Amino acid sequence: MKTQSIESNLISNMYPGRGIILGRSADGQNAVIAYFIMGRSENSRNRVFVEDGEGIRTQAFDPDKLSDPSLIIYSPVRVLGHTTIVTNGDQTDTIYEFLQAGKTFEAALRTRTFEPDRPNYTPRVSGIVEADGSYLLSILKSANGNPGSVQRLFFEYASPVSGEGHFIHTYQGDGSPLPSFEGEPTLVGISGDIDTFTQTIWDNLFSANKVSLFTRFISLKTGMAETRIINKNHL
């Protein structure tokens, strides 16, 4: 698979929806995480990321304008021991509970399906990063928009390469209904420090639709985490 730049991948897609990038920094010293959300409706755009312990949660920017909290208010990032969980929905909690009980990432997601937002049936994208920098990604999606058929796909990256990551997101692009992501996660290059990485993603998300971005570098030597959050709506 040819490595793509994050910039060219994002610029070519007006509406990737919600996306996860997991990988390793160019210097090989850090596990790398990014999660972003976008929105087309007022309800979807009325959100911010706020820190919640070692993780984050979404929160209404203007509570008076929140018309439907289902599917948009959740904890995208939670940490259990040395494992960081990142997802685009409340399956974060399912994964956390299964791991806490000694079960697996895959087992947790086999109890879940895509979102019930007909006619889009938005995929659920999820990932976990371990202390050694290895990571898993998953997508739960409908079979070409068929609500009666769920596809659960899992991808394991046991030996990440420095300066590379994998990018998975909900939509192939804008449309009606929105077309689900296809294929395996995209191989992307990762360069620079956390601030460079963060700004690269934020600057190349389509301006009208971008809402919030979370990034984290986790030292593979010490386990210490450095985090950045950018919200289009400022608290």
Protein backbone atom coordinates (compact mmCIF):
# COMPACT_ATOMS: atom_id res chain seq x y z
CA MET A 1 0.00 0.00 0.00
CA LYS A 2 1.33 3.42 -0.98
CA THR A 3 1.71 5.93 1.85
CA GLN A 4 -0.53 8.99 1.48
CA SER A 5 -0.01 12.36 3.08
CA ILE A 6 -2.61 13.40 5.63
CA GLU A 7 -2.96 16.71 3.81
CA SER A 8 -3.81 15.23 0.40
CA ASN A 9 -6.17 12.65 1.91
CA LEU A 10 -8.19 15.25 3.81
CA ILE A 11 -8.18 17.88 1.07
CA SER A 12 -9.63 15.36 -1.38
CA ASN A 13 -12.61 14.56 0.89
CA MET A 14 -15.05 17.33 1.81
CA TYR A 15 -16.78 15.14 4.38
CA PRO A 16 -14.89 12.19 5.91
CA GLY A 17 -17.23 12.53 8.92
CA ARG A 18 -15.51 11.25 12.06
CA GLY A 19 -11.99 9.89 11.78
CA ILE A 20 -9.29 8.06 13.72
CA ILE A 21 -5.55 8.04 13.00
CA LEU A 22 -3.30 5.70 14.98
CA GLY A 23 0.42 5.29 14.40
CA ARG A 24 3.96 6.02 15.54
CA SER A 25 5.89 9.30 15.48
CA ALA A 26 8.69 9.79 12.97
CA ASP A 27 11.34 9.57 15.71
CA GLY A 28 9.88 6.26 16.91
CA GLN A 29 9.47 7.58 20.45
CA ASN A 30 5.70 7.99 20.66
CA ALA A 31 2.44 6.26 19.92
CA VAL A 32 0.26 8.72 18.01
CA ILE A 33 -3.52 9.20 18.21
CA ALA A 34 -5.90 11.59 16.49
CA TYR A 35 -9.67 11.76 16.51
CA PHE A 36 -11.79 14.40 14.79
CA ILE A 37 -15.48 15.10 14.32
CA MET A 38 -17.29 17.00 11.59
CA GLY A 39 -20.90 18.06 11.16
CA ARG A 40 -23.37 19.22 8.54
CA SER A 41 -26.37 19.96 10.76
CA GLU A 42 -26.65 22.60 13.50
CA ASN A 43 -27.03 19.83 16.07
CA SER A 44 -23.84 18.07 14.95
CA ARG A 45 -21.86 21.31 14.82
CA ASN A 46 -23.01 22.35 18.29
CA ARG A 47 -20.28 20.35 20.04
CA VAL A 48 -16.91 20.68 21.70
CA PHE A 49 -14.36 18.26 23.14
CA VAL A 50 -13.65 18.62 26.85
CA GLU A 51 -11.17 16.72 28.98
CA ASP A 52 -12.64 14.04 31.22
CA GLY A 53 -9.98 12.44 33.43
CA GLU A 54 -7.43 10.83 31.12
CA GLY A 55 -9.94 10.88 28.28
CA ILE A 56 -12.35 13.28 26.64
CA ARG A 57 -16.08 13.63 26.09
CA THR A 58 -18.26 15.61 23.73
CA GLN A 59 -20.38 18.39 25.15
CA ALA A 60 -22.96 20.76 23.69
CA PHE A 61 -21.44 24.16 23.01
CA ASP A 62 -24.84 25.81 23.41
CA PRO A 63 -27.13 23.56 25.51
CA ASP A 64 -30.20 25.52 24.37
CA LYS A 65 -29.57 24.46 20.78
CA LEU A 66 -29.09 20.74 21.54
CA SER A 67 -32.03 19.04 19.83
CA ASP A 68 -30.99 15.37 20.05
CA PRO A 69 -28.10 14.12 22.22
CA SER A 70 -28.23 10.55 20.91
CA LEU A 71 -25.24 9.60 18.76
CA ILE A 72 -23.46 12.94 19.27
CA ILE A 73 -22.84 13.09 23.05
CA TYR A 74 -20.41 10.37 24.16
CA SER A 75 -16.86 9.72 25.38
CA PRO A 76 -14.58 9.35 22.35
CA VAL A 77 -11.49 8.58 24.45
CA ARG A 78 -11.10 6.57 27.66
CA VAL A 79 -8.00 5.05 29.26
CA LEU A 80 -7.89 1.72 31.08
CA GLY A 81 -4.49 1.08 32.62
CA HIS A 82 -2.01 1.35 29.76
CA THR A 83 -4.65 0.94 27.05
CA THR A 84 -6.16 3.95 25.28
CA ILE A 85 -9.55 3.50 23.65
CA VAL A 86 -10.78 5.85 20.92
CA THR A 87 -14.08 5.56 19.04
CA ASN A 88 -16.79 7.60 17.33
CA GLY A 89 -19.61 6.63 19.70
CA ASP A 90 -20.76 5.05 22.92
CA GLN A 91 -19.03 1.81 21.96
CA THR A 92 -16.10 3.37 23.84
CA ASP A 93 -17.89 2.34 27.02
CA THR A 94 -18.61 -1.16 25.71
CA ILE A 95 -14.94 -1.71 24.90
CA TYR A 96 -13.87 -0.30 28.27
CA GLU A 97 -16.23 -2.62 30.16
CA PHE A 98 -15.16 -5.70 28.18
CA LEU A 99 -11.44 -4.98 28.64
CA GLN A 100 -12.00 -4.33 32.33
CA ALA A 101 -13.61 -7.77 32.55
CA GLY A 102 -10.62 -9.41 30.85
CA LYS A 103 -12.35 -9.78 27.49
CA THR A 104 -11.22 -8.53 24.10
CA PHE A 105 -11.70 -5.54 21.84
CA GLU A 106 -13.16 -7.81 19.19
CA ALA A 107 -15.60 -9.47 21.60
CA ALA A 108 -16.87 -6.07 22.70
CA LEU A 109 -17.56 -4.92 19.15
CA ARG A 110 -19.28 -8.16 18.21
CA THR A 111 -22.07 -7.02 20.54
CA ARG A 112 -22.49 -3.76 18.60
CA THR A 113 -23.54 -2.71 15.12
CA PHE A 114 -23.59 0.43 12.96
CA GLU A 115 -25.51 3.52 14.05
CA PRO A 116 -29.31 3.49 13.51
CA ASP A 117 -29.35 6.81 11.61
CA ARG A 118 -31.33 5.76 8.55
CA PRO A 119 -30.59 6.09 5.64
CA ASN A 120 -26.86 6.65 6.34
CA TYR A 121 -26.34 3.82 8.84
CA THR A 122 -23.13 5.53 9.91
CA PRO A 123 -20.28 3.09 10.60
CA ARG A 124 -18.83 2.76 14.08
CA VAL A 125 -15.05 3.18 13.92
CA SER A 126 -12.95 2.17 16.92
CA GLY A 127 -9.35 1.68 17.96
CA ILE A 128 -7.14 0.81 20.92
CA VAL A 129 -3.48 1.60 21.51
CA GLU A 130 -1.36 -0.50 23.86
CA ALA A 131 1.66 0.52 25.95
CA ASP A 132 4.10 -0.88 23.37
CA GLY A 133 2.51 1.22 20.63
CA SER A 134 0.75 -1.65 18.90
CA TYR A 135 -2.82 -0.91 17.90
CA LEU A 136 -6.09 -2.30 16.59
CA LEU A 137 -8.70 -0.65 14.40
CA SER A 138 -12.23 -1.70 13.54
CA ILE A 139 -15.21 -0.61 11.50
CA LEU A 140 -18.79 -1.85 11.91
CA LYS A 141 -20.76 -1.01 8.79
CA SER A 142 -23.84 -2.01 6.86
CA ALA A 143 -23.56 -4.08 3.70
CA ASN A 144 -23.99 -1.35 1.08
CA GLY A 145 -26.68 0.39 3.12
CA ASN A 146 -28.59 -2.80 3.94
CA PRO A 147 -29.78 -2.39 7.55
CA GLY A 148 -30.31 -6.14 7.86
CA SER A 149 -26.64 -7.01 7.30
CA VAL A 150 -23.74 -5.85 9.48
CA GLN A 151 -20.08 -6.22 8.50
CA ARG A 152 -17.52 -6.24 11.34
CA LEU A 153 -13.96 -5.68 10.14
CA PHE A 154 -10.85 -5.76 12.35
CA PHE A 155 -7.27 -4.69 11.60
CA GLU A 156 -4.25 -5.47 13.79
CA TYR A 157 -0.97 -3.55 13.66
CA ALA A 158 1.43 -5.39 15.95
CA SER A 159 4.66 -3.74 14.79
CA PRO A 160 4.02 -0.12 13.83
CA VAL A 161 6.58 1.61 11.62
CA SER A 162 8.04 4.95 12.71
CA GLY A 163 6.56 7.83 10.73
CA GLU A 164 3.51 5.86 9.63
CA GLY A 165 -0.08 5.55 10.76
CA HIS A 166 -3.44 4.21 9.67
CA PHE A 167 -6.49 6.37 9.04
CA ILE A 168 -10.09 5.15 9.17
CA HIS A 169 -13.19 7.32 8.97
CA THR A 170 -16.93 7.02 8.60
CA TYR A 171 -17.65 8.31 5.09
CA GLN A 172 -16.07 8.09 1.66
CA GLY A 173 -17.28 11.64 1.07
CA ASP A 174 -20.37 13.81 1.02
CA GLY A 175 -23.64 12.51 -0.41
CA SER A 176 -27.23 11.54 0.28
CA PRO A 177 -27.21 9.00 1.75
CA LEU A 178 -23.65 9.34 2.98
CA PRO A 179 -21.43 6.59 1.50
CA SER A 180 -19.64 4.46 4.12
CA PHE A 181 -15.86 4.11 4.26
CA GLU A 182 -14.56 1.27 2.07
CA GLY A 183 -11.47 -0.93 2.18
CA GLU A 184 -8.76 -1.20 4.79
CA PRO A 185 -7.47 1.78 6.78
CA THR A 186 -5.42 4.20 4.71
CA LEU A 187 -1.66 4.23 5.27
CA VAL A 188 -0.60 7.82 6.04
CA GLY A 189 2.69 9.50 6.86
CA ILE A 190 3.25 11.04 10.29
CA SER A 191 5.87 13.75 10.71
CA GLY A 192 6.87 16.41 13.20
CA ASP A 193 5.95 16.91 16.83
CA ILE A 194 2.45 16.88 18.29
CA ASP A 195 1.81 20.52 17.42
CA THR A 196 2.82 20.03 13.79
CA PHE A 197 0.72 16.85 13.56
CA THR A 198 -2.30 18.56 15.13
CA GLN A 199 -2.12 21.62 12.92
CA THR A 200 -1.70 19.52 9.79
CA ILE A 201 -4.96 17.72 10.44
CA TRP A 202 -6.92 20.78 11.53
CA ASP A 203 -5.77 22.97 8.66
CA ASN A 204 -6.75 20.39 6.05
CA LEU A 205 -10.22 19.45 7.31
CA PHE A 206 -12.92 21.16 5.23
CA SER A 207 -13.50 24.43 7.07
CA ALA A 208 -17.30 24.60 6.93
CA ASN A 209 -17.77 21.12 8.39
CA LYS A 210 -14.95 20.64 10.91
CA VAL A 211 -15.98 20.73 14.57
CA SER A 212 -13.32 19.37 16.97
CA LEU A 213 -9.96 17.60 17.01
CA PHE A 214 -8.14 15.60 19.69
CA THR A 215 -4.53 14.45 19.38
CA ARG A 216 -2.23 12.62 21.76
CA PHE A 217 1.42 11.52 21.75
CA ILE A 218 2.20 8.77 24.28
CA SER A 219 5.86 8.18 25.16
CA LEU A 220 6.74 4.52 24.54
CA LYS A 221 9.48 4.84 27.16
CA THR A 222 7.65 6.49 30.05
CA GLY A 223 3.96 6.19 29.18
CA MET A 224 3.52 9.93 29.68
CA ALA A 225 0.91 11.48 27.41
CA GLU A 226 0.83 14.89 25.75
CA THR A 227 -2.57 16.03 24.48
CA ARG A 228 -3.98 18.75 22.25
CA ILE A 229 -7.63 19.73 21.73
CA ILE A 230 -8.92 22.17 19.13
CA ASN A 231 -12.59 23.22 19.06
CA LYS A 232 -14.07 25.38 16.34
CA ASN A 233 -16.52 26.63 18.96
CA HIS A 234 -14.49 28.15 21.77
CA LEU A 235 -15.72 27.66 25.33
